N, C-alpha and C. Protein backbone atom coordinates (compact mmCIF):
# COMPACT_ATOMS: atom_id res chain seq x y z
N UNK A 1 4.26 -18.49 3.29
CA UNK A 1 4.40 -17.06 3.51
C UNK A 1 3.02 -16.43 3.66
N UNK A 2 2.85 -15.53 4.63
CA UNK A 2 1.56 -14.86 4.81
C UNK A 2 1.21 -13.98 3.61
N UNK A 3 -0.07 -13.71 3.45
CA UNK A 3 -0.51 -12.85 2.35
C UNK A 3 0.02 -11.44 2.52
N UNK A 4 0.29 -10.81 1.40
CA UNK A 4 0.73 -9.42 1.40
C UNK A 4 -0.38 -8.54 1.98
N UNK A 5 -0.09 -7.79 3.04
CA UNK A 5 -1.13 -6.96 3.65
C UNK A 5 -1.47 -5.74 2.80
N UNK A 6 -2.61 -5.19 3.06
CA UNK A 6 -3.05 -3.98 2.36
C UNK A 6 -2.05 -2.85 2.56
N UNK A 7 -1.85 -2.03 1.54
CA UNK A 7 -0.98 -0.87 1.68
C UNK A 7 -1.55 0.20 2.60
N UNK A 8 -2.79 0.05 3.00
CA UNK A 8 -3.44 1.02 3.88
C UNK A 8 -2.70 1.09 5.21
N UNK A 9 -2.45 2.32 5.70
CA UNK A 9 -1.78 2.48 6.99
C UNK A 9 -2.73 3.14 7.99
N UNK A 10 -4.02 2.96 7.77
CA UNK A 10 -5.08 3.38 8.69
C UNK A 10 -5.17 4.88 8.95
N UNK A 11 -4.98 5.67 7.90
CA UNK A 11 -5.19 7.11 7.98
C UNK A 11 -6.53 7.44 7.32
N UNK A 12 -6.73 7.01 6.10
CA UNK A 12 -8.00 7.07 5.37
C UNK A 12 -8.68 8.44 5.35
N UNK A 13 -7.98 9.42 4.85
CA UNK A 13 -8.55 10.74 4.61
C UNK A 13 -8.25 11.10 3.15
N UNK A 14 -9.30 11.31 2.38
CA UNK A 14 -9.17 11.53 0.94
C UNK A 14 -9.20 13.02 0.64
N UNK A 15 -8.03 13.64 0.65
CA UNK A 15 -7.96 15.08 0.43
C UNK A 15 -7.14 15.46 -0.80
N UNK A 16 -6.27 14.64 -1.25
CA UNK A 16 -5.38 14.97 -2.37
C UNK A 16 -5.98 14.46 -3.67
N UNK A 17 -6.89 15.22 -4.23
CA UNK A 17 -7.55 14.88 -5.49
C UNK A 17 -8.08 13.45 -5.49
N UNK A 18 -8.72 13.08 -4.37
CA UNK A 18 -9.31 11.76 -4.26
C UNK A 18 -8.37 10.67 -3.77
N UNK A 19 -7.13 11.04 -3.47
CA UNK A 19 -6.15 10.08 -2.97
C UNK A 19 -6.04 10.22 -1.45
N UNK A 20 -5.92 9.08 -0.77
CA UNK A 20 -5.74 9.07 0.68
C UNK A 20 -4.43 9.76 1.04
N UNK A 21 -4.45 10.57 2.09
CA UNK A 21 -3.22 11.26 2.50
C UNK A 21 -2.24 10.31 3.19
N UNK A 22 -2.68 9.12 3.55
CA UNK A 22 -1.80 8.14 4.20
C UNK A 22 -1.08 7.23 3.23
N UNK A 23 -1.82 6.65 2.28
CA UNK A 23 -1.24 5.64 1.41
C UNK A 23 -1.28 5.98 -0.08
N UNK A 24 -1.97 7.02 -0.45
CA UNK A 24 -2.14 7.52 -1.82
C UNK A 24 -3.16 6.75 -2.64
N UNK A 25 -3.81 5.73 -2.07
CA UNK A 25 -4.82 4.99 -2.83
C UNK A 25 -6.11 5.78 -2.92
N UNK A 26 -6.83 5.54 -4.01
CA UNK A 26 -8.18 6.08 -4.14
C UNK A 26 -9.12 5.04 -3.53
N UNK A 27 -10.37 5.41 -3.34
CA UNK A 27 -11.35 4.45 -2.81
C UNK A 27 -11.49 3.26 -3.76
N UNK A 28 -11.44 3.51 -5.06
CA UNK A 28 -11.53 2.43 -6.05
C UNK A 28 -10.35 1.48 -5.93
N UNK A 29 -9.15 2.03 -5.75
CA UNK A 29 -7.97 1.19 -5.61
C UNK A 29 -8.06 0.34 -4.34
N UNK A 30 -8.58 0.90 -3.26
CA UNK A 30 -8.72 0.12 -2.03
C UNK A 30 -9.66 -1.06 -2.24
N UNK A 31 -10.74 -0.83 -2.97
CA UNK A 31 -11.69 -1.91 -3.28
C UNK A 31 -11.02 -2.96 -4.17
N UNK A 32 -10.25 -2.50 -5.15
CA UNK A 32 -9.56 -3.43 -6.05
C UNK A 32 -8.60 -4.32 -5.27
N UNK A 33 -7.83 -3.73 -4.34
CA UNK A 33 -6.86 -4.52 -3.59
C UNK A 33 -7.56 -5.61 -2.80
N UNK A 34 -8.68 -5.27 -2.18
CA UNK A 34 -9.41 -6.26 -1.39
C UNK A 34 -9.89 -7.43 -2.24
N UNK A 35 -10.15 -7.19 -3.52
CA UNK A 35 -10.65 -8.23 -4.41
C UNK A 35 -9.54 -9.15 -4.94
N UNK A 36 -8.28 -8.75 -4.79
CA UNK A 36 -7.17 -9.57 -5.29
C UNK A 36 -6.98 -10.81 -4.43
N UNK A 37 -6.95 -11.96 -5.06
CA UNK A 37 -6.82 -13.22 -4.31
C UNK A 37 -5.40 -13.77 -4.34
N UNK A 38 -4.73 -13.67 -5.49
CA UNK A 38 -3.37 -14.21 -5.61
C UNK A 38 -2.38 -13.26 -4.96
N UNK A 39 -1.47 -13.82 -4.17
CA UNK A 39 -0.49 -12.99 -3.49
C UNK A 39 0.42 -12.28 -4.47
N UNK A 40 0.71 -12.91 -5.60
CA UNK A 40 1.56 -12.25 -6.61
C UNK A 40 0.88 -11.00 -7.14
N UNK A 41 -0.44 -11.02 -7.26
CA UNK A 41 -1.19 -9.85 -7.71
C UNK A 41 -1.17 -8.77 -6.63
N UNK A 42 -1.29 -9.18 -5.37
CA UNK A 42 -1.27 -8.22 -4.27
C UNK A 42 0.09 -7.55 -4.17
N UNK A 43 1.17 -8.32 -4.35
CA UNK A 43 2.52 -7.77 -4.32
C UNK A 43 2.72 -6.80 -5.48
N UNK A 44 2.26 -7.17 -6.66
CA UNK A 44 2.38 -6.28 -7.82
C UNK A 44 1.61 -4.98 -7.60
N UNK A 45 0.46 -5.07 -6.94
CA UNK A 45 -0.33 -3.88 -6.64
C UNK A 45 0.45 -2.94 -5.73
N UNK A 46 1.09 -3.49 -4.69
CA UNK A 46 1.87 -2.66 -3.77
C UNK A 46 3.02 -2.00 -4.52
N UNK A 47 3.67 -2.72 -5.43
CA UNK A 47 4.75 -2.14 -6.21
C UNK A 47 4.23 -1.03 -7.14
N UNK A 48 3.05 -1.22 -7.71
CA UNK A 48 2.44 -0.19 -8.55
C UNK A 48 2.13 1.04 -7.69
N UNK A 49 1.64 0.82 -6.49
CA UNK A 49 1.30 1.91 -5.59
C UNK A 49 2.55 2.71 -5.21
N UNK A 50 3.65 2.02 -4.98
CA UNK A 50 4.91 2.69 -4.65
C UNK A 50 5.33 3.60 -5.80
N UNK A 51 5.19 3.13 -7.03
CA UNK A 51 5.52 3.95 -8.19
C UNK A 51 4.57 5.16 -8.28
N UNK A 52 3.31 4.95 -7.97
CA UNK A 52 2.33 6.04 -7.97
C UNK A 52 2.72 7.09 -6.94
N UNK A 53 3.13 6.65 -5.77
CA UNK A 53 3.52 7.58 -4.71
C UNK A 53 4.73 8.41 -5.12
N UNK A 54 5.68 7.77 -5.81
CA UNK A 54 6.86 8.50 -6.27
C UNK A 54 6.46 9.62 -7.22
N UNK A 55 5.48 9.36 -8.08
CA UNK A 55 5.02 10.38 -9.02
C UNK A 55 4.23 11.48 -8.32
N UNK A 56 3.39 11.12 -7.38
CA UNK A 56 2.57 12.11 -6.69
C UNK A 56 3.37 12.93 -5.69
N UNK A 57 4.40 12.33 -5.10
CA UNK A 57 5.18 13.00 -4.05
C UNK A 57 4.40 13.06 -2.75
N UNK A 58 5.00 13.56 -1.70
CA UNK A 58 4.36 13.78 -0.40
C UNK A 58 3.91 12.51 0.30
N UNK A 59 4.49 11.36 -0.02
CA UNK A 59 4.10 10.11 0.64
C UNK A 59 5.33 9.39 1.20
N UNK A 60 6.35 10.13 1.56
CA UNK A 60 7.59 9.55 2.08
C UNK A 60 7.35 8.78 3.39
N UNK A 61 6.38 9.20 4.16
CA UNK A 61 6.08 8.58 5.46
C UNK A 61 5.49 7.17 5.30
N UNK A 62 4.93 6.88 4.14
CA UNK A 62 4.21 5.63 3.94
C UNK A 62 5.12 4.41 4.06
N UNK A 63 6.30 4.45 3.42
CA UNK A 63 7.16 3.26 3.44
C UNK A 63 7.56 2.85 4.85
N UNK A 64 7.85 3.82 5.69
CA UNK A 64 8.23 3.50 7.08
C UNK A 64 7.06 2.83 7.81
N UNK A 65 5.87 3.38 7.65
CA UNK A 65 4.68 2.82 8.31
C UNK A 65 4.35 1.43 7.76
N UNK A 66 4.49 1.25 6.44
CA UNK A 66 4.17 -0.04 5.83
C UNK A 66 5.21 -1.09 6.21
N UNK A 67 6.48 -0.71 6.28
CA UNK A 67 7.52 -1.65 6.71
C UNK A 67 7.24 -2.14 8.14
N UNK A 68 6.78 -1.23 8.99
CA UNK A 68 6.43 -1.61 10.37
C UNK A 68 5.30 -2.64 10.36
N UNK A 69 4.32 -2.44 9.50
CA UNK A 69 3.19 -3.37 9.37
C UNK A 69 3.69 -4.73 8.88
N UNK A 70 4.61 -4.73 7.92
CA UNK A 70 5.17 -5.99 7.41
C UNK A 70 5.96 -6.71 8.51
N UNK A 71 6.73 -5.97 9.28
CA UNK A 71 7.52 -6.57 10.35
C UNK A 71 6.63 -7.24 11.38
N UNK A 72 5.55 -6.58 11.75
CA UNK A 72 4.61 -7.17 12.71
C UNK A 72 4.05 -8.49 12.21
N UNK A 73 3.88 -8.59 10.89
CA UNK A 73 3.32 -9.82 10.30
C UNK A 73 4.39 -10.80 9.84
N UNK A 74 5.64 -10.47 10.18
CA UNK A 74 6.78 -11.34 9.86
C UNK A 74 6.92 -11.58 8.35
N UNK A 75 6.81 -10.49 7.60
CA UNK A 75 6.96 -10.54 6.14
C UNK A 75 8.17 -9.67 5.79
N UNK A 76 9.09 -10.22 4.99
CA UNK A 76 10.27 -9.47 4.58
C UNK A 76 9.86 -8.37 3.61
N UNK A 77 10.26 -7.15 3.90
CA UNK A 77 9.92 -6.00 3.05
C UNK A 77 10.44 -6.20 1.63
N UNK A 78 11.57 -6.87 1.50
CA UNK A 78 12.17 -7.09 0.18
C UNK A 78 11.27 -7.95 -0.70
N UNK A 79 10.43 -8.77 -0.09
CA UNK A 79 9.52 -9.62 -0.85
C UNK A 79 8.33 -8.85 -1.40
N UNK A 80 8.07 -7.68 -0.84
CA UNK A 80 6.87 -6.92 -1.20
C UNK A 80 7.22 -5.62 -1.93
N UNK A 81 8.16 -4.87 -1.39
CA UNK A 81 8.49 -3.56 -1.95
C UNK A 81 9.50 -3.60 -3.05
């Protein structure tokens, strides 16, 4: 199975209290994700990010964009989200 891709959806504008308006990650979280080597850790990070988005609100568009990214890489969304 291919590695879990970054939750980044290539918007990268930090306007919401230091959170990206595209994926809700902070710059620190983006750096942390890049450092993760085990796919299980990367998947857990994406699941943590999804929970963060639910709390912050205003990130409903992210799941659709991320699912599209997973589909292009032939990764089942159920394995990641």
